[in-house]
Amino acid sequence: MQYQFDFSALLPYWSDFLSGALVTIEITVFSVIIGLVIGVACAIARRSDIAPLRALVSIYVETVRNTPFIVQIFFIFFGLSSVGIRLPIIAAAVFAMVINVGAYTAEIVRAGMDSIHPSQIEAAEALGLSKLQIYRDIILLPAIERVYPALSSQFILMMLSTSIASQISAEELTGVANNIQSNTFRSLETYMVVAVLYIAITYLMRAGFYGLGLIAFPRRRRLGTSL
């Protein structure tokens, strides 16, 4: 059996591919920014002395980490609409991704915080630094610096997970590809193009995170530590 590739059938849809890729990037950017803030806040909460707060955050993190992302997005889009809370498709996708990436970010950042040796905190206290200065300069920033590669990888995985949003009819890259292949019946060519676009977005994100790391963490740049 010989298959005849025909990419010319996809040419009329190049703007649709581009639009889908842009939606994927937009969903990812919003989710990463908001999810990072939530993740850092939850990481701090899990180390707090307030037991109910620690328990609440633990329930959130473990619930997200132990359920599939597709269940989470269905719960937010279909489940909430059942009780009268109807979110637009893109808003539901971003909401689900924020909740998901926030939980994973919380665990990554918490691991970075736990890696800070207590003697560093004791030294900061001996120097008379305030609690805010100690948390910001001695714990949080060095922790994020240490886990920055893991955070970058998690955010890229989150970008790839945007494809699941096509299950609620989001017009992101995979959703657009589903429509195109149903119109052209060129499934193999369509998903080859989509794969190339995902790879391009992945390398674009890697380059962005590398550049951001060079700016945010000059010490790692001087030491030649990977970003």
C-alpha atoms as a PDB file:
ATOM      1  CA  MET A   1       0.000   0.000   0.000  1.00  0.00           C
ATOM      2  CA  GLN A   2       1.419   3.347  -1.048  1.00  0.00           C
ATOM      3  CA  TYR A   3       0.304   6.619   0.446  1.00  0.00           C
ATOM      4  CA  GLN A   4       0.414   9.761  -1.640  1.00  0.00           C
ATOM      5  CA  PHE A   5       1.216  12.796   0.486  1.00  0.00           C
ATOM      6  CA  ASP A   6      -0.689  15.894  -0.529  1.00  0.00           C
ATOM      7  CA  PHE A   7       0.118  18.943   1.557  1.00  0.00           C
ATOM      8  CA  SER A   8      -1.385  21.262  -1.061  1.00  0.00           C
ATOM      9  CA  ALA A   9      -4.839  20.492   0.338  1.00  0.00           C
ATOM     10  CA  LEU A  10      -3.775  22.223   3.567  1.00  0.00           C
ATOM     11  CA  LEU A  11      -2.585  25.455   1.986  1.00  0.00           C
ATOM     12  CA  PRO A  12      -6.003  27.191   2.195  1.00  0.00           C
ATOM     13  CA  TYR A  13      -5.929  26.553   5.951  1.00  0.00           C
ATOM     14  CA  TRP A  14      -2.550  28.080   6.789  1.00  0.00           C
ATOM     15  CA  SER A  15      -4.220  31.030   8.549  1.00  0.00           C
ATOM     16  CA  ASP A  16      -6.266  28.577  10.634  1.00  0.00           C
ATOM     17  CA  PHE A  17      -3.095  26.777  11.713  1.00  0.00           C
ATOM     18  CA  LEU A  18      -1.535  30.112  12.630  1.00  0.00           C
ATOM     19  CA  SER A  19      -4.623  31.200  14.537  1.00  0.00           C
ATOM     20  CA  GLY A  20      -4.670  27.915  16.470  1.00  0.00           C
ATOM     21  CA  ALA A  21      -0.998  28.256  17.345  1.00  0.00           C
ATOM     22  CA  LEU A  22      -1.563  31.802  18.619  1.00  0.00           C
ATOM     23  CA  VAL A  23      -4.490  30.680  20.774  1.00  0.00           C
ATOM     24  CA  THR A  24      -2.302  27.902  22.191  1.00  0.00           C
ATOM     25  CA  ILE A  25       0.398  30.434  23.066  1.00  0.00           C
ATOM     26  CA  GLU A  26      -2.103  32.858  24.605  1.00  0.00           C
ATOM     27  CA  ILE A  27      -3.690  30.167  26.774  1.00  0.00           C
ATOM     28  CA  THR A  28      -0.241  29.042  27.886  1.00  0.00           C
ATOM     29  CA  VAL A  29       1.016  32.535  28.746  1.00  0.00           C
ATOM     30  CA  PHE A  30      -2.027  33.412  30.854  1.00  0.00           C
ATOM     31  CA  SER A  31      -1.976  30.026  32.580  1.00  0.00           C
ATOM     32  CA  VAL A  32       1.738  30.131  33.353  1.00  0.00           C
ATOM     33  CA  ILE A  33       1.691  33.660  34.793  1.00  0.00           C
ATOM     34  CA  ILE A  34      -1.369  33.163  36.999  1.00  0.00           C
ATOM     35  CA  GLY A  35      -0.428  29.574  37.845  1.00  0.00           C
ATOM     36  CA  LEU A  36       3.054  30.653  38.961  1.00  0.00           C
ATOM     37  CA  VAL A  37       1.594  33.208  41.356  1.00  0.00           C
ATOM     38  CA  ILE A  38      -0.840  30.650  42.776  1.00  0.00           C
ATOM     39  CA  GLY A  39       1.884  28.020  42.992  1.00  0.00           C
ATOM     40  CA  VAL A  40       4.266  30.267  44.931  1.00  0.00           C
ATOM     41  CA  ALA A  41       1.467  31.320  47.293  1.00  0.00           C
ATOM     42  CA  CYS A  42       0.515  27.680  47.901  1.00  0.00           C
ATOM     43  CA  ALA A  43       4.155  26.692  48.459  1.00  0.00           C
ATOM     44  CA  ILE A  44       4.438  29.373  51.144  1.00  0.00           C
ATOM     45  CA  ALA A  45       1.113  28.277  52.641  1.00  0.00           C
ATOM     46  CA  ARG A  46       2.261  24.646  52.865  1.00  0.00           C
ATOM     47  CA  ARG A  47       5.207  25.780  54.996  1.00  0.00           C
ATOM     48  CA  SER A  48       3.143  28.024  57.253  1.00  0.00           C
ATOM     49  CA  ASP A  49       2.416  27.410  60.922  1.00  0.00           C
ATOM     50  CA  ILE A  50      -1.335  27.541  60.318  1.00  0.00           C
ATOM     51  CA  ALA A  51      -2.478  23.906  60.235  1.00  0.00           C
ATOM     52  CA  PRO A  52      -5.909  24.455  58.568  1.00  0.00           C
ATOM     53  CA  LEU A  53      -4.231  26.465  55.781  1.00  0.00           C
ATOM     54  CA  ARG A  54      -1.635  23.728  55.245  1.00  0.00           C
ATOM     55  CA  ALA A  55      -4.391  21.110  55.147  1.00  0.00           C
ATOM     56  CA  LEU A  56      -6.486  23.112  52.680  1.00  0.00           C
ATOM     57  CA  VAL A  57      -3.572  23.608  50.296  1.00  0.00           C
ATOM     58  CA  SER A  58      -2.583  19.953  50.633  1.00  0.00           C
ATOM     59  CA  ILE A  59      -6.088  18.864  49.627  1.00  0.00           C
ATOM     60  CA  TYR A  60      -5.955  21.139  46.592  1.00  0.00           C
ATOM     61  CA  VAL A  61      -2.504  19.968  45.491  1.00  0.00           C
ATOM     62  CA  GLU A  62      -3.155  16.262  46.000  1.00  0.00           C
ATOM     63  CA  THR A  63      -6.562  16.431  44.295  1.00  0.00           C
ATOM     64  CA  VAL A  64      -5.070  18.023  41.194  1.00  0.00           C
ATOM     65  CA  ARG A  65      -2.008  15.763  41.111  1.00  0.00           C
ATOM     66  CA  ASN A  66      -4.085  12.611  41.407  1.00  0.00           C
ATOM     67  CA  THR A  67      -6.728  13.301  38.784  1.00  0.00           C
ATOM     68  CA  PRO A  68      -6.321  13.450  34.989  1.00  0.00           C
ATOM     69  CA  PHE A  69      -6.266  16.893  33.410  1.00  0.00           C
ATOM     70  CA  ILE A  70      -9.120  15.959  31.089  1.00  0.00           C
ATOM     71  CA  VAL A  71     -11.328  15.221  34.118  1.00  0.00           C
ATOM     72  CA  GLN A  72     -10.414  18.589  35.612  1.00  0.00           C
ATOM     73  CA  ILE A  73     -11.291  20.511  32.449  1.00  0.00           C
ATOM     74  CA  PHE A  74     -14.544  18.554  32.010  1.00  0.00           C
ATOM     75  CA  PHE A  75     -15.430  19.282  35.654  1.00  0.00           C
ATOM     76  CA  ILE A  76     -14.908  23.019  35.154  1.00  0.00           C
ATOM     77  CA  PHE A  77     -16.614  23.277  31.759  1.00  0.00           C
ATOM     78  CA  PHE A  78     -19.443  20.745  31.992  1.00  0.00           C
ATOM     79  CA  GLY A  79     -19.689  20.270  35.759  1.00  0.00           C
ATOM     80  CA  LEU A  80     -19.922  23.935  36.705  1.00  0.00           C
ATOM     81  CA  SER A  81     -22.394  24.630  33.896  1.00  0.00           C
ATOM     82  CA  SER A  82     -24.674  22.009  35.487  1.00  0.00           C
ATOM     83  CA  VAL A  83     -24.990  24.239  38.561  1.00  0.00           C
ATOM     84  CA  GLY A  84     -25.483  27.392  36.520  1.00  0.00           C
ATOM     85  CA  ILE A  85     -21.872  28.605  36.287  1.00  0.00           C
ATOM     86  CA  ARG A  86     -21.224  28.839  32.556  1.00  0.00           C
ATOM     87  CA  LEU A  87     -17.747  29.879  31.485  1.00  0.00           C
ATOM     88  CA  PRO A  88     -16.701  30.728  27.919  1.00  0.00           C
ATOM     89  CA  ILE A  89     -14.670  27.941  26.343  1.00  0.00           C
ATOM     90  CA  ILE A  90     -11.306  29.715  26.438  1.00  0.00           C
ATOM     91  CA  ALA A  91     -11.925  31.003  29.973  1.00  0.00           C
ATOM     92  CA  ALA A  92     -12.739  27.462  31.118  1.00  0.00           C
ATOM     93  CA  ALA A  93      -9.566  26.142  29.466  1.00  0.00           C
ATOM     94  CA  VAL A  94      -7.405  28.817  31.105  1.00  0.00           C
ATOM     95  CA  PHE A  95      -9.116  28.285  34.473  1.00  0.00           C
ATOM     96  CA  ALA A  96      -8.482  24.540  34.345  1.00  0.00           C
ATOM     97  CA  MET A  97      -4.876  25.013  33.333  1.00  0.00           C
ATOM     98  CA  VAL A  98      -4.260  27.600  36.052  1.00  0.00           C
ATOM     99  CA  ILE A  99      -5.584  25.222  38.684  1.00  0.00           C
ATOM    100  CA  ASN A 100      -3.483  22.378  37.281  1.00  0.00           C
ATOM    101  CA  VAL A 101      -0.221  24.230  36.827  1.00  0.00           C
ATOM    102  CA  GLY A 102      -0.651  26.016  40.177  1.00  0.00           C
ATOM    103  CA  ALA A 103      -0.654  22.697  42.036  1.00  0.00           C
ATOM    104  CA  TYR A 104       2.429  21.331  40.289  1.00  0.00           C
ATOM    105  CA  THR A 105       4.242  24.656  40.654  1.00  0.00           C
ATOM    106  CA  ALA A 106       3.473  24.652  44.370  1.00  0.00           C
ATOM    107  CA  GLU A 107       5.210  21.304  44.830  1.00  0.00           C
ATOM    108  CA  ILE A 108       8.221  22.275  42.737  1.00  0.00           C
ATOM    109  CA  VAL A 109       8.699  25.589  44.562  1.00  0.00           C
ATOM    110  CA  ARG A 110       8.180  23.928  47.956  1.00  0.00           C
ATOM    111  CA  ALA A 111      10.914  21.435  47.126  1.00  0.00           C
ATOM    112  CA  GLY A 112      13.194  24.347  46.310  1.00  0.00           C
ATOM    113  CA  MET A 113      12.369  26.024  49.615  1.00  0.00           C
ATOM    114  CA  ASP A 114      13.052  22.833  51.530  1.00  0.00           C
ATOM    115  CA  SER A 115      16.501  22.686  49.925  1.00  0.00           C
ATOM    116  CA  ILE A 116      17.563  25.916  51.645  1.00  0.00           C
ATOM    117  CA  HIS A 117      19.811  24.938  54.554  1.00  0.00           C
ATOM    118  CA  PRO A 118      18.622  26.177  57.975  1.00  0.00           C
ATOM    119  CA  SER A 119      22.070  27.633  58.661  1.00  0.00           C
ATOM    120  CA  GLN A 120      21.492  30.175  55.888  1.00  0.00           C
ATOM    121  CA  ILE A 121      18.343  31.368  57.625  1.00  0.00           C
ATOM    122  CA  GLU A 122      20.122  31.477  60.981  1.00  0.00           C
ATOM    123  CA  ALA A 123      22.905  33.537  59.444  1.00  0.00           C
ATOM    124  CA  ALA A 124      20.362  35.968  57.984  1.00  0.00           C
ATOM    125  CA  GLU A 125      18.700  36.310  61.385  1.00  0.00           C
ATOM    126  CA  ALA A 126      22.078  36.933  62.980  1.00  0.00           C
ATOM    127  CA  LEU A 127      22.679  39.732  60.480  1.00  0.00           C
ATOM    128  CA  GLY A 128      19.419  41.372  61.545  1.00  0.00           C
ATOM    129  CA  LEU A 129      17.416  40.833  58.355  1.00  0.00           C
ATOM    130  CA  SER A 130      13.669  41.166  58.701  1.00  0.00           C
ATOM    131  CA  LYS A 131      11.370  38.177  58.194  1.00  0.00           C
ATOM    132  CA  LEU A 132      10.248  39.594  54.862  1.00  0.00           C
ATOM    133  CA  GLN A 133      13.856  39.996  53.704  1.00  0.00           C
ATOM    134  CA  ILE A 134      14.738  36.484  54.851  1.00  0.00           C
ATOM    135  CA  TYR A 135      11.761  34.927  53.066  1.00  0.00           C
ATOM    136  CA  ARG A 136      12.272  36.939  49.890  1.00  0.00           C
ATOM    137  CA  ASP A 137      16.075  37.004  49.570  1.00  0.00           C
ATOM    138  CA  ILE A 138      17.247  33.917  51.452  1.00  0.00           C
ATOM    139  CA  ILE A 139      14.424  31.422  50.852  1.00  0.00           C
ATOM    140  CA  LEU A 140      12.126  32.249  47.939  1.00  0.00           C
ATOM    141  CA  LEU A 141      14.424  33.681  45.279  1.00  0.00           C
ATOM    142  CA  PRO A 142      17.222  31.097  45.747  1.00  0.00           C
ATOM    143  CA  ALA A 143      14.566  28.357  45.816  1.00  0.00           C
ATOM    144  CA  ILE A 144      13.077  29.466  42.507  1.00  0.00           C
ATOM    145  CA  GLU A 145      16.578  29.750  41.070  1.00  0.00           C
ATOM    146  CA  ARG A 146      17.335  26.145  42.036  1.00  0.00           C
ATOM    147  CA  VAL A 147      14.106  24.726  40.594  1.00  0.00           C
ATOM    148  CA  TYR A 148      13.988  26.992  37.549  1.00  0.00           C
ATOM    149  CA  PRO A 149      14.801  24.166  35.074  1.00  0.00           C
ATOM    150  CA  ALA A 150      12.040  22.002  36.559  1.00  0.00           C
ATOM    151  CA  LEU A 151       9.588  24.905  36.414  1.00  0.00           C
ATOM    152  CA  SER A 152      10.461  25.559  32.784  1.00  0.00           C
ATOM    153  CA  SER A 153       9.850  21.917  31.887  1.00  0.00           C
ATOM    154  CA  GLN A 154       6.539  21.910  33.763  1.00  0.00           C
ATOM    155  CA  PHE A 155       5.337  24.990  31.899  1.00  0.00           C
ATOM    156  CA  ILE A 156       6.286  23.440  28.551  1.00  0.00           C
ATOM    157  CA  LEU A 157       4.380  20.283  29.476  1.00  0.00           C
ATOM    158  CA  MET A 158       1.445  22.529  30.314  1.00  0.00           C
ATOM    159  CA  MET A 159       1.636  24.073  26.854  1.00  0.00           C
ATOM    160  CA  LEU A 160       1.455  20.606  25.306  1.00  0.00           C
ATOM    161  CA  SER A 161      -1.544  19.823  27.510  1.00  0.00           C
ATOM    162  CA  THR A 162      -3.509  22.645  25.896  1.00  0.00           C
ATOM    163  CA  SER A 163      -4.357  20.066  23.236  1.00  0.00           C
ATOM    164  CA  ILE A 164      -6.818  18.564  25.740  1.00  0.00           C
ATOM    165  CA  ALA A 165      -8.787  21.812  25.580  1.00  0.00           C
ATOM    166  CA  SER A 166      -9.893  20.722  22.109  1.00  0.00           C
ATOM    167  CA  GLN A 167     -12.206  18.261  23.914  1.00  0.00           C
ATOM    168  CA  ILE A 168     -14.364  21.216  24.973  1.00  0.00           C
ATOM    169  CA  SER A 169     -14.190  22.676  21.434  1.00  0.00           C
ATOM    170  CA  ALA A 170     -11.460  25.228  22.171  1.00  0.00           C
ATOM    171  CA  GLU A 171     -10.027  26.486  18.879  1.00  0.00           C
ATOM    172  CA  GLU A 172      -6.432  25.940  19.878  1.00  0.00           C
ATOM    173  CA  LEU A 173      -3.930  24.147  17.653  1.00  0.00           C
ATOM    174  CA  THR A 174      -5.260  20.600  18.056  1.00  0.00           C
ATOM    175  CA  GLY A 175      -8.870  21.774  17.872  1.00  0.00           C
ATOM    176  CA  VAL A 176      -8.135  23.578  14.606  1.00  0.00           C
ATOM    177  CA  ALA A 177      -6.344  20.503  13.265  1.00  0.00           C
ATOM    178  CA  ASN A 178      -9.357  18.318  14.068  1.00  0.00           C
ATOM    179  CA  ASN A 179     -11.564  20.602  12.000  1.00  0.00           C
ATOM    180  CA  ILE A 180      -9.100  20.789   9.102  1.00  0.00           C
ATOM    181  CA  GLN A 181      -8.573  17.042   8.837  1.00  0.00           C
ATOM    182  CA  SER A 182     -12.329  16.457   8.862  1.00  0.00           C
ATOM    183  CA  ASN A 183     -12.691  18.923   5.977  1.00  0.00           C
ATOM    184  CA  THR A 184      -9.738  17.763   3.876  1.00  0.00           C
ATOM    185  CA  PHE A 185      -9.524  14.060   4.848  1.00  0.00           C
ATOM    186  CA  ARG A 186      -5.712  14.546   4.949  1.00  0.00           C
ATOM    187  CA  SER A 187      -5.256  13.436   8.560  1.00  0.00           C
ATOM    188  CA  LEU A 188      -1.622  12.354   8.252  1.00  0.00           C
ATOM    189  CA  GLU A 189      -0.492  15.597   6.648  1.00  0.00           C
ATOM    190  CA  THR A 190      -2.580  17.698   9.057  1.00  0.00           C
ATOM    191  CA  TYR A 191      -1.124  16.173  12.194  1.00  0.00           C
ATOM    192  CA  MET A 192       2.396  16.264  10.744  1.00  0.00           C
ATOM    193  CA  VAL A 193       1.993  20.027  10.357  1.00  0.00           C
ATOM    194  CA  VAL A 194       0.561  20.288  13.871  1.00  0.00           C
ATOM    195  CA  ALA A 195       3.481  18.286  15.294  1.00  0.00           C
ATOM    196  CA  VAL A 196       5.954  20.640  13.625  1.00  0.00           C
ATOM    197  CA  LEU A 197       4.109  23.654  15.031  1.00  0.00           C
ATOM    198  CA  TYR A 198       4.115  22.185  18.558  1.00  0.00           C
ATOM    199  CA  ILE A 199       7.856  21.535  18.257  1.00  0.00           C
ATOM    200  CA  ALA A 200       8.376  25.118  17.071  1.00  0.00           C
ATOM    201  CA  ILE A 201       6.372  26.505  20.007  1.00  0.00           C
ATOM    202  CA  THR A 202       8.299  24.261  22.415  1.00  0.00           C
ATOM    203  CA  TYR A 203      11.657  25.549  21.189  1.00  0.00           C
ATOM    204  CA  LEU A 204      10.317  29.096  21.264  1.00  0.00           C
ATOM    205  CA  MET A 205       9.354  28.629  24.907  1.00  0.00           C
ATOM    206  CA  ARG A 206      12.719  27.030  25.727  1.00  0.00           C
ATOM    207  CA  ALA A 207      14.488  30.014  24.197  1.00  0.00           C
ATOM    208  CA  GLY A 208      12.230  32.388  26.123  1.00  0.00           C
ATOM    209  CA  PHE A 209      12.814  30.672  29.451  1.00  0.00           C
ATOM    210  CA  TYR A 210      16.572  30.516  28.775  1.00  0.00           C
ATOM    211  CA  GLY A 211      16.681  34.239  28.063  1.00  0.00           C
ATOM    212  CA  LEU A 212      14.559  34.992  31.125  1.00  0.00           C
ATOM    213  CA  GLY A 213      16.860  32.831  33.231  1.00  0.00           C
ATOM    214  CA  LEU A 214      19.918  34.723  32.011  1.00  0.00           C
ATOM    215  CA  ILE A 215      18.315  37.983  33.111  1.00  0.00           C
ATOM    216  CA  ALA A 216      16.780  36.795  36.385  1.00  0.00           C
ATOM    217  CA  PHE A 217      19.620  34.614  37.647  1.00  0.00           C
ATOM    218  CA  PRO A 218      22.990  36.220  36.844  1.00  0.00           C
ATOM    219  CA  ARG A 219      24.733  34.000  39.418  1.00  0.00           C
ATOM    220  CA  ARG A 220      23.859  30.856  37.458  1.00  0.00           C
ATOM    221  CA  ARG A 221      25.091  32.593  34.320  1.00  0.00           C
ATOM    222  CA  ARG A 222      28.446  33.396  35.967  1.00  0.00           C
ATOM    223  CA  LEU A 223      28.806  29.845  37.275  1.00  0.00           C
ATOM    224  CA  GLY A 224      27.809  28.348  33.937  1.00  0.00           C
ATOM    225  CA  THR A 225      24.976  26.363  35.544  1.00  0.00           C
ATOM    226  CA  SER A 226      22.361  25.145  33.107  1.00  0.00           C
ATOM    227  CA  LEU A 227      19.084  27.056  32.858  1.00  0.00           C
END
